[in-house]
C-alpha atoms as a PDB file:
ATOM      1  CA  MET A   1     -14.222   7.810  10.422  1.00  0.00           C
ATOM      2  CA  ALA A   2     -16.648   7.408   6.997  1.00  0.00           C
ATOM      3  CA  ILE A   3     -13.630   8.924   5.146  1.00  0.00           C
ATOM      4  CA  ALA A   4     -11.046   6.568   5.819  1.00  0.00           C
ATOM      5  CA  ASN A   5     -13.783   3.872   5.694  1.00  0.00           C
ATOM      6  CA  ALA A   6     -13.895   4.458   2.023  1.00  0.00           C
ATOM      7  CA  CYS A   7     -10.165   4.905   2.023  1.00  0.00           C
ATOM      8  CA  PHE A   8      -8.803   1.724   3.470  1.00  0.00           C
ATOM      9  CA  ILE A   9     -12.181  -0.015   0.862  1.00  0.00           C
ATOM     10  CA  GLY A  10     -10.193   1.589  -1.487  1.00  0.00           C
ATOM     11  CA  THR A  11      -6.597   0.237  -1.217  1.00  0.00           C
ATOM     12  CA  LEU A  12      -8.189  -3.396  -1.258  1.00  0.00           C
ATOM     13  CA  LEU A  13      -9.420  -2.595  -5.037  1.00  0.00           C
ATOM     14  CA  THR A  14      -6.362  -1.039  -6.296  1.00  0.00           C
ATOM     15  CA  ASP A  15      -3.888  -4.101  -4.595  1.00  0.00           C
ATOM     16  CA  LEU A  16      -6.549  -5.970  -6.223  1.00  0.00           C
ATOM     17  CA  ALA A  17      -6.052  -4.157  -9.524  1.00  0.00           C
ATOM     18  CA  TYR A  18      -2.407  -4.402  -8.911  1.00  0.00           C
ATOM     19  CA  TRP A  19      -2.070  -8.120  -8.580  1.00  0.00           C
ATOM     20  CA  ARG A  20      -4.617  -8.741 -11.790  1.00  0.00           C
ATOM     21  CA  THR A  21      -3.012  -6.173 -14.319  1.00  0.00           C
ATOM     22  CA  ALA A  22       1.117  -5.467 -12.226  1.00  0.00           C
ATOM     23  CA  GLU A  23       1.089  -2.022 -13.094  1.00  0.00           C
ATOM     24  CA  MET A  24       2.378   0.167 -10.661  1.00  0.00           C
ATOM     25  CA  MET A  25       0.063   2.924 -10.944  1.00  0.00           C
ATOM     26  CA  TRP A  26      -2.076   0.776  -8.496  1.00  0.00           C
ATOM     27  CA  THR A  27       1.205   0.476  -5.760  1.00  0.00           C
ATOM     28  CA  ASP A  28       0.598   4.617  -5.869  1.00  0.00           C
ATOM     29  CA  PHE A  29      -2.834   4.589  -5.476  1.00  0.00           C
ATOM     30  CA  SER A  30      -2.752   2.077  -3.156  1.00  0.00           C
ATOM     31  CA  ALA A  31      -0.250   4.065  -0.470  1.00  0.00           C
ATOM     32  CA  TRP A  32      -2.090   7.174  -0.741  1.00  0.00           C
ATOM     33  CA  LEU A  33      -5.755   5.693  -0.023  1.00  0.00           C
ATOM     34  CA  LEU A  34      -3.835   4.224   2.886  1.00  0.00           C
ATOM     35  CA  LEU A  35      -1.712   7.704   4.096  1.00  0.00           C
ATOM     36  CA  GLY A  36      -5.122   9.577   3.839  1.00  0.00           C
ATOM     37  CA  GLY A  37      -7.212   6.782   5.382  1.00  0.00           C
ATOM     38  CA  LEU A  38      -4.220   6.677   8.726  1.00  0.00           C
ATOM     39  CA  VAL A  39      -4.467  10.010   8.496  1.00  0.00           C
ATOM     40  CA  MET A  40      -8.375  10.888   8.808  1.00  0.00           C
ATOM     41  CA  GLY A  41      -8.310   7.664  11.218  1.00  0.00           C
ATOM     42  CA  ALA A  42      -6.197   8.644  13.394  1.00  0.00           C
ATOM     43  CA  LEU A  43      -8.569  12.395  14.196  1.00  0.00           C
ATOM     44  CA  ALA A  44     -11.481  10.320  14.161  1.00  0.00           C
ATOM     45  CA  VAL A  45      -9.827   7.972  16.895  1.00  0.00           C
ATOM     46  CA  ILE A  46      -8.412  10.627  18.776  1.00  0.00           C
ATOM     47  CA  ALA A  47     -12.532  12.252  18.595  1.00  0.00           C
ATOM     48  CA  ALA A  48     -13.647   8.882  19.886  1.00  0.00           C
ATOM     49  CA  LEU A  49     -10.955   9.286  22.905  1.00  0.00           C
ATOM     50  CA  VAL A  50     -11.999  12.475  24.124  1.00  0.00           C
ATOM     51  CA  ASP A  51     -15.223  11.745  24.193  1.00  0.00           C
ATOM     52  CA  LEU A  52     -14.612   8.752  25.843  1.00  0.00           C
ATOM     53  CA  PHE A  53     -13.067  10.748  28.765  1.00  0.00           C
ATOM     54  CA  THR A  54     -16.224  13.272  29.402  1.00  0.00           C
ATOM     55  CA  GLY A  55     -18.653  11.204  29.123  1.00  0.00           C
ATOM     56  CA  ARG A  56     -20.247  10.900  26.471  1.00  0.00           C
ATOM     57  CA  MET A  57     -19.827   8.019  24.959  1.00  0.00           C
ATOM     58  CA  PHE A  58     -21.494   5.130  25.584  1.00  0.00           C
ATOM     59  CA  PRO A  59     -19.790   1.438  27.188  1.00  0.00           C
ATOM     60  CA  VAL A  60     -21.495   0.115  24.245  1.00  0.00           C
ATOM     61  CA  ARG A  61     -19.278   2.097  21.859  1.00  0.00           C
ATOM     62  CA  TRP A  62     -16.253   1.219  23.028  1.00  0.00           C
ATOM     63  CA  VAL A  63     -15.749  -2.278  20.151  1.00  0.00           C
ATOM     64  CA  TYR A  64     -16.032   0.278  17.178  1.00  0.00           C
ATOM     65  CA  LEU A  65     -13.725   1.958  19.081  1.00  0.00           C
ATOM     66  CA  PHE A  66     -11.371  -0.850  20.096  1.00  0.00           C
ATOM     67  CA  GLY A  67     -12.068  -2.133  15.858  1.00  0.00           C
ATOM     68  CA  SER A  68     -10.981   1.119  14.969  1.00  0.00           C
ATOM     69  CA  LEU A  69      -8.475   1.195  16.442  1.00  0.00           C
ATOM     70  CA  VAL A  70      -7.658  -2.787  15.070  1.00  0.00           C
ATOM     71  CA  VAL A  71      -7.969  -1.182  11.352  1.00  0.00           C
ATOM     72  CA  LEU A  72      -5.600   1.657  12.146  1.00  0.00           C
ATOM     73  CA  VAL A  73      -2.587  -0.540  13.302  1.00  0.00           C
ATOM     74  CA  LEU A  74      -3.379  -2.848  10.446  1.00  0.00           C
ATOM     75  CA  SER A  75      -3.301  -0.279   7.747  1.00  0.00           C
ATOM     76  CA  LEU A  76      -0.048   1.195   9.738  1.00  0.00           C
ATOM     77  CA  PHE A  77       1.507  -2.527   8.897  1.00  0.00           C
ATOM     78  CA  ASN A  78      -0.046  -2.162   5.518  1.00  0.00           C
ATOM     79  CA  ALA A  79       1.485   1.403   4.698  1.00  0.00           C
ATOM     80  CA  LEU A  80       4.922  -0.109   6.148  1.00  0.00           C
ATOM     81  CA  VAL A  81       4.142  -3.068   3.696  1.00  0.00           C
ATOM     82  CA  HIS A  82       3.928  -1.127   0.635  1.00  0.00           C
ATOM     83  CA  SER A  83       6.636   1.552   0.925  1.00  0.00           C
ATOM     84  CA  ARG A  84       8.387  -2.031  -0.407  1.00  0.00           C
ATOM     85  CA  ASP A  85       9.475  -1.766  -4.358  1.00  0.00           C
ATOM     86  CA  ALA A  86       7.430  -3.791  -6.976  1.00  0.00           C
ATOM     87  CA  TRP A  87       5.685  -6.829  -6.475  1.00  0.00           C
ATOM     88  CA  THR A  88       6.155  -7.542  -2.805  1.00  0.00           C
ATOM     89  CA  SER A  89       4.289  -3.903  -2.313  1.00  0.00           C
ATOM     90  CA  VAL A  90       1.590  -5.889  -2.636  1.00  0.00           C
ATOM     91  CA  VAL A  91       1.460  -9.517  -3.131  1.00  0.00           C
ATOM     92  CA  PRO A  92       0.265 -11.577  -0.479  1.00  0.00           C
ATOM     93  CA  THR A  93       1.063 -10.110   2.367  1.00  0.00           C
ATOM     94  CA  GLY A  94       0.149  -5.870   1.313  1.00  0.00           C
ATOM     95  CA  LEU A  95      -3.411  -7.865  -0.096  1.00  0.00           C
ATOM     96  CA  ILE A  96      -3.819  -9.598   2.551  1.00  0.00           C
ATOM     97  CA  LEU A  97      -3.457  -7.404   5.180  1.00  0.00           C
ATOM     98  CA  SER A  98      -5.698  -4.743   3.031  1.00  0.00           C
ATOM     99  CA  ALA A  99      -9.119  -7.565   3.260  1.00  0.00           C
ATOM    100  CA  ALA A 100      -7.907  -7.807   7.241  1.00  0.00           C
ATOM    101  CA  ALA A 101      -9.066  -4.891   7.698  1.00  0.00           C
ATOM    102  CA  VAL A 102     -12.084  -3.848   5.515  1.00  0.00           C
ATOM    103  CA  ILE A 103     -13.630  -7.785   6.899  1.00  0.00           C
ATOM    104  CA  VAL A 104     -12.839  -5.775  10.773  1.00  0.00           C
ATOM    105  CA  LEU A 105     -14.400  -2.977   9.518  1.00  0.00           C
ATOM    106  CA  LEU A 106     -17.536  -5.656   8.137  1.00  0.00           C
ATOM    107  CA  LEU A 107     -17.484  -7.045  11.500  1.00  0.00           C
ATOM    108  CA  VAL A 108     -18.173  -3.433  13.001  1.00  0.00           C
ATOM    109  CA  TRP A 109     -20.694  -2.757  10.905  1.00  0.00           C
ATOM    110  CA  LEU A 110     -22.856  -5.005  11.054  1.00  0.00           C
ATOM    111  CA  LEU A 111     -22.106  -4.827  15.099  1.00  0.00           C
ATOM    112  CA  ARG A 112     -23.469  -1.174  14.745  1.00  0.00           C
ATOM    113  CA  TRP A 113     -26.325  -2.955  12.493  1.00  0.00           C
ATOM    114  CA  SER A 114     -26.688  -5.673  14.797  1.00  0.00           C
ATOM    115  CA  THR A 115     -27.358  -3.260  17.756  1.00  0.00           C
ATOM    116  CA  GLY A 116     -29.768  -0.953  15.893  1.00  0.00           C
ATOM    117  CA  ARG A 117     -27.629   1.811  16.900  1.00  0.00           C
ATOM    118  CA  ALA A 118     -25.234   4.104  14.640  1.00  0.00           C
ATOM    119  CA  PRO A 119     -21.368   4.168  16.116  1.00  0.00           C
ATOM    120  CA  VAL A 120     -20.893   7.114  17.407  1.00  0.00           C
ATOM    121  CA  GLU A 121     -24.040   8.937  19.363  1.00  0.00           C
ATOM    122  CA  VAL A 122     -24.033  12.349  21.395  1.00  0.00           C
ATOM    123  CA  VAL A 123     -25.919  12.791  24.532  1.00  0.00           C
ATOM    124  CA  GLU A 124     -26.640  15.850  25.688  1.00  0.00           C
END
């Protein structure tokens, strides 16, 4: 999920750049980052579900899986918003959705930090 997280954070940064400059190049970057994040995030969630159903994931990991799903749903809606033209593709809805996805990512990271565990552990 690290690649997907980087893409979603990058989307927020490129949305902020578009908001400040109104240069259409930034919306294209945002759209590509969203696509990459959605593809890699979906693959990570599928892998986590396989771990969950094979009994290799601890119960506390449900929170991380749920957080990842929330970020993916927010980013899917964000990708639909970014498919619009011009200013309305980012401001204000796309920017809000990008910020919300990053906030959820930060909350999941803080939860992991407070428990002192990595989000995914392999049980042998």
